């Protein structure tokens, strides 16, 4: 495995996890699909358990992974999450040949506020390159079911930003497919964030797969003992997501 750090902008960096070239030893993929992971943290911090443990799970299934450390806190006054993801995607495209990346099979994945940043890129970027998005217990709406802490940090009361970043209102027919999971008893981000988003996707005819488990704590990541959130039922999301990505990206590991 090749692991290295990328300095993207003043307030954003990324960590790359790329497969070694095994072609001299066995038949292998000439290029690997790309998965970009955005940890959550209410736009105030970045959760470690939603970074490398997630990336390693999908890396083991032939995805080349990037963990994006996007702007948080006061840095959001200068640079938004969309710009950070655009900067990473630009680096990925620029180095695709050297890094042996299949940029035609690129997915973005985020958790909580990181899922909001992920979907913001997909919906608001003028040149989104992602073919699929994966949203774990996502922050979506600035309306009645909002996670106020995330929107207070991101928008600082700016009404135009609150409208722009209420993502259930930004879906179009061109929005890429989505895989979404949540728990119905999430105490931090109301499950109706996911439901509102799925309603918007359905209204525009965008394919999606939604899984809602009855019990699960917020920030549960891959739902294993490794990350301190063991939940045998909800842990199924990674396998379900891998199957969905395989079909959506037309990729077999």
Protein backbone atom coordinates (compact mmCIF):
# COMPACT_ATOMS: atom_id res chain seq x y z
CA UNK A 1 0.00 0.00 0.00
CA UNK A 2 1.15 3.50 -0.79
CA UNK A 3 0.08 6.08 1.80
CA UNK A 4 0.83 9.78 1.49
CA UNK A 5 -0.53 13.20 2.39
CA UNK A 6 -1.76 15.85 -0.03
CA UNK A 7 -1.78 19.55 0.81
CA UNK A 8 -4.76 20.91 -1.11
CA UNK A 9 -5.57 24.43 0.08
CA UNK A 10 -4.83 26.56 3.10
CA UNK A 11 -7.49 24.74 5.13
CA UNK A 12 -7.78 21.35 3.47
CA UNK A 13 -5.60 18.28 3.09
CA UNK A 14 -6.12 14.65 2.22
CA UNK A 15 -4.57 11.27 2.94
CA UNK A 16 -4.25 8.79 0.09
CA UNK A 17 -4.32 4.99 0.39
CA UNK A 18 -3.41 3.43 -2.93
CA UNK A 19 -2.84 -0.16 -4.00
CA UNK A 20 0.60 -1.32 -5.02
CA UNK A 21 1.08 -2.49 -8.59
CA UNK A 22 0.82 -6.28 -8.35
CA UNK A 23 0.67 -6.90 -12.10
CA UNK A 24 4.18 -8.49 -12.21
CA UNK A 25 2.91 -11.21 -9.87
CA UNK A 26 -0.73 -11.81 -10.74
CA UNK A 27 -3.64 -10.68 -12.84
CA UNK A 28 -4.96 -7.53 -11.19
CA UNK A 29 -6.81 -4.34 -11.94
CA UNK A 30 -4.86 -1.99 -14.16
CA UNK A 31 -6.65 0.86 -12.40
CA UNK A 32 -8.70 0.98 -9.22
CA UNK A 33 -11.96 2.83 -8.61
CA UNK A 34 -11.78 5.88 -6.36
CA UNK A 35 -13.54 6.39 -3.03
CA UNK A 36 -13.28 9.72 -1.20
CA UNK A 37 -14.20 9.60 2.50
CA UNK A 38 -15.29 12.61 4.55
CA UNK A 39 -15.48 12.12 8.34
CA UNK A 40 -18.17 13.86 10.37
CA UNK A 41 -17.89 16.14 13.38
CA UNK A 42 -20.52 18.86 13.15
CA UNK A 43 -18.15 21.06 11.12
CA UNK A 44 -16.26 21.57 14.40
CA UNK A 45 -13.88 18.62 14.35
CA UNK A 46 -13.18 15.49 12.27
CA UNK A 47 -14.03 12.08 13.74
CA UNK A 48 -11.05 9.67 13.51
CA UNK A 49 -13.30 6.60 13.54
CA UNK A 50 -15.04 7.82 10.37
CA UNK A 51 -11.76 8.18 8.52
CA UNK A 52 -9.13 5.47 8.32
CA UNK A 53 -11.27 2.54 9.62
CA UNK A 54 -13.78 3.25 6.86
CA UNK A 55 -11.13 3.72 4.20
CA UNK A 56 -9.41 0.46 5.15
CA UNK A 57 -12.67 -1.48 4.94
CA UNK A 58 -13.24 -0.35 1.35
CA UNK A 59 -9.55 -0.44 0.43
CA UNK A 60 -9.63 -4.17 1.18
CA UNK A 61 -12.24 -4.49 -1.57
CA UNK A 62 -10.06 -2.91 -4.28
CA UNK A 63 -10.96 0.76 -3.87
CA UNK A 64 -8.21 3.37 -3.82
CA UNK A 65 -9.23 5.64 -0.97
CA UNK A 66 -8.73 9.27 -0.04
CA UNK A 67 -9.70 10.77 3.33
CA UNK A 68 -10.47 14.46 3.03
CA UNK A 69 -9.83 16.80 5.93
CA UNK A 70 -12.06 19.65 4.81
CA UNK A 71 -12.30 23.10 6.47
CA UNK A 72 -13.97 23.22 9.89
CA UNK A 73 -14.72 25.86 12.50
CA UNK A 74 -13.49 29.35 11.73
CA UNK A 75 -11.81 28.15 8.53
CA UNK A 76 -15.28 27.90 6.98
CA UNK A 77 -15.37 31.70 6.85
CA UNK A 78 -12.67 31.54 4.17
CA UNK A 79 -13.28 28.26 2.38
CA UNK A 80 -16.30 25.98 2.02
CA UNK A 81 -16.50 22.19 1.88
CA UNK A 82 -17.36 22.17 -1.82
CA UNK A 83 -14.16 23.98 -2.73
CA UNK A 84 -12.10 21.54 -0.67
CA UNK A 85 -13.59 18.51 -2.40
CA UNK A 86 -13.16 20.14 -5.80
CA UNK A 87 -9.47 20.69 -5.02
CA UNK A 88 -9.02 17.01 -4.12
CA UNK A 89 -10.85 15.83 -7.23
CA UNK A 90 -8.62 18.08 -9.35
CA UNK A 91 -5.53 16.41 -7.84
CA UNK A 92 -7.00 12.98 -8.44
CA UNK A 93 -7.72 13.76 -12.08
CA UNK A 94 -4.30 15.33 -12.61
CA UNK A 95 -2.47 12.31 -11.21
CA UNK A 96 -4.81 9.54 -12.36
CA UNK A 97 -2.30 7.92 -14.70
CA UNK A 98 0.59 7.95 -12.25
CA UNK A 99 -1.59 6.68 -9.40
CA UNK A 100 -3.37 4.12 -11.63
CA UNK A 101 -6.85 5.43 -10.78
CA UNK A 102 -10.07 4.70 -12.64
CA UNK A 103 -11.62 8.14 -12.46
CA UNK A 104 -14.66 6.98 -14.43
CA UNK A 105 -15.58 5.04 -11.28
CA UNK A 106 -15.42 7.65 -8.55
CA UNK A 107 -17.65 7.69 -5.46
CA UNK A 108 -17.82 10.07 -2.51
CA UNK A 109 -18.77 8.98 1.00
CA UNK A 110 -19.45 11.04 4.10
CA UNK A 111 -20.78 10.76 7.62
CA UNK A 112 -23.00 13.23 9.50
CA UNK A 113 -21.66 16.72 8.69
CA UNK A 114 -19.17 15.00 6.38
CA UNK A 115 -22.16 13.55 4.55
CA UNK A 116 -23.51 17.07 4.24
CA UNK A 117 -20.20 18.21 2.77
CA UNK A 118 -20.26 15.20 0.43
CA UNK A 119 -23.77 15.86 -0.83
CA UNK A 120 -23.02 19.59 -1.08
CA UNK A 121 -20.24 18.80 -3.54
CA UNK A 122 -22.45 16.44 -5.55
CA UNK A 123 -25.35 18.90 -5.70
CA UNK A 124 -23.64 22.29 -5.77
CA UNK A 125 -20.38 21.84 -7.64
CA UNK A 126 -20.50 23.09 -11.21
CA UNK A 127 -18.45 20.10 -12.37
CA UNK A 128 -19.14 17.13 -10.08
CA UNK A 129 -17.10 14.09 -11.12
CA UNK A 130 -18.64 11.60 -8.68
CA UNK A 131 -20.74 8.81 -10.15
CA UNK A 132 -22.22 7.81 -6.78
CA UNK A 133 -22.56 9.12 -3.23
CA UNK A 134 -22.78 7.28 0.08
CA UNK A 135 -24.29 9.16 3.03
CA UNK A 136 -24.12 7.85 6.59
CA UNK A 137 -26.63 9.39 9.03
CA UNK A 138 -26.40 12.61 7.01
CA UNK A 139 -27.03 16.21 7.96
CA UNK A 140 -29.26 17.43 5.12
CA UNK A 141 -31.85 20.06 6.00
CA UNK A 142 -31.65 23.50 7.60
CA UNK A 143 -35.40 23.29 8.30
CA UNK A 144 -37.28 21.99 11.37
CA UNK A 145 -35.22 18.77 11.62
CA UNK A 146 -31.83 20.45 11.24
CA UNK A 147 -28.73 19.63 13.20
CA UNK A 148 -28.39 23.20 14.37
CA UNK A 149 -24.78 22.96 15.45
CA UNK A 150 -23.62 22.03 11.95
CA UNK A 151 -25.58 24.82 10.29
CA UNK A 152 -24.59 27.41 12.88
CA UNK A 153 -20.93 26.66 12.19
CA UNK A 154 -21.26 26.40 8.42
CA UNK A 155 -23.64 29.28 7.76
CA UNK A 156 -23.30 31.56 10.81
CA UNK A 157 -26.90 32.71 10.41
CA UNK A 158 -26.53 33.72 6.76
CA UNK A 159 -30.00 33.14 5.30
CA UNK A 160 -28.74 32.73 1.73
CA UNK A 161 -26.29 30.04 2.88
CA UNK A 162 -28.96 28.30 4.94
CA UNK A 163 -31.14 28.04 1.84
CA UNK A 164 -28.25 26.96 -0.39
CA UNK A 165 -27.12 24.26 2.03
CA UNK A 166 -30.58 22.85 2.73
CA UNK A 167 -29.83 20.03 0.35
CA UNK A 168 -33.26 18.45 -0.03
CA UNK A 169 -34.05 21.52 -2.15
CA UNK A 170 -31.01 21.14 -4.43
CA UNK A 171 -31.69 17.74 -6.01
CA UNK A 172 -32.09 17.62 -9.81
CA UNK A 173 -32.70 14.91 -12.38
CA UNK A 174 -28.93 14.85 -13.02
CA UNK A 175 -28.03 14.01 -9.40
CA UNK A 176 -25.96 10.79 -9.19
CA UNK A 177 -27.37 7.72 -7.40
CA UNK A 178 -27.20 7.58 -3.60
CA UNK A 179 -26.78 4.96 -0.88
CA UNK A 180 -28.03 6.21 2.49
CA UNK A 181 -28.13 4.65 5.93
CA UNK A 182 -29.36 5.88 9.31
CA UNK A 183 -30.89 4.67 12.57
CA UNK A 184 -34.43 5.66 13.48
CA UNK A 185 -33.45 6.50 17.07
CA UNK A 186 -30.45 8.71 16.19
CA UNK A 187 -30.33 11.26 18.99
CA UNK A 188 -28.05 13.75 17.20
CA UNK A 189 -29.23 13.93 13.58
CA UNK A 190 -32.94 13.25 13.12
CA UNK A 191 -33.60 10.38 10.71
CA UNK A 192 -35.99 12.68 8.87
CA UNK A 193 -32.90 14.27 7.30
CA UNK A 194 -32.42 11.04 5.34
CA UNK A 195 -36.13 10.66 4.66
CA UNK A 196 -36.45 14.20 3.31
CA UNK A 197 -33.48 13.64 1.04
CA UNK A 198 -34.89 10.38 -0.28
CA UNK A 199 -38.22 12.06 -0.96
CA UNK A 200 -36.37 14.68 -3.00
CA UNK A 201 -34.44 12.00 -4.91
CA UNK A 202 -37.65 10.09 -5.62
CA UNK A 203 -39.37 13.25 -6.85
CA UNK A 204 -36.60 13.75 -9.43
CA UNK A 205 -36.35 10.10 -10.43
CA UNK A 206 -32.85 9.64 -8.99
CA UNK A 207 -32.03 6.03 -8.00
CA UNK A 208 -31.24 5.48 -4.34
CA UNK A 209 -30.95 2.75 -1.74
CA UNK A 210 -32.02 3.57 1.83
CA UNK A 211 -31.45 1.49 4.97
CA UNK A 212 -32.86 2.54 8.35
CA UNK A 213 -32.14 0.42 11.41
CA UNK A 214 -34.28 0.75 14.56
CA UNK A 215 -31.30 1.25 16.88
CA UNK A 216 -27.87 2.77 16.44
CA UNK A 217 -25.86 5.57 17.98
CA UNK A 218 -24.83 8.59 15.97
CA UNK A 219 -21.28 8.50 14.67
CA UNK A 220 -21.23 4.72 14.55
CA UNK A 221 -18.91 4.49 11.52
CA UNK A 222 -18.45 0.82 10.56
CA UNK A 223 -20.30 -0.32 13.71
CA UNK A 224 -17.58 -2.61 15.05
CA UNK A 225 -15.75 -3.01 18.35
CA UNK A 226 -12.69 -1.56 16.62
CA UNK A 227 -14.36 1.86 16.55
CA UNK A 228 -16.24 1.42 19.83
CA UNK A 229 -19.73 1.23 18.33
CA UNK A 230 -20.38 -2.49 17.92
CA UNK A 231 -23.81 -3.04 16.37
CA UNK A 232 -24.19 -6.35 14.56
CA UNK A 233 -27.34 -5.32 12.71
CA UNK A 234 -26.22 -1.91 11.52
CA UNK A 235 -22.73 -3.18 10.65
CA UNK A 236 -24.37 -4.79 7.63
CA UNK A 237 -24.30 -1.43 5.88
CA UNK A 238 -20.74 -1.91 4.61
CA UNK A 239 -21.56 -5.16 2.82
CA UNK A 240 -24.77 -3.73 1.43
CA UNK A 241 -22.90 -0.65 0.26
CA UNK A 242 -20.19 -2.70 -1.45
CA UNK A 243 -22.85 -4.60 -3.40
CA UNK A 244 -24.56 -1.35 -4.33
CA UNK A 245 -21.30 0.28 -5.44
CA UNK A 246 -20.42 -2.77 -7.51
CA UNK A 247 -23.66 -2.46 -9.45
CA UNK A 248 -23.71 1.34 -9.61
CA UNK A 249 -20.11 1.67 -10.77
CA UNK A 250 -20.15 -1.56 -12.80
CA UNK A 251 -17.12 -2.87 -10.95
CA UNK A 252 -16.10 -6.30 -9.66
CA UNK A 253 -13.20 -6.57 -7.25
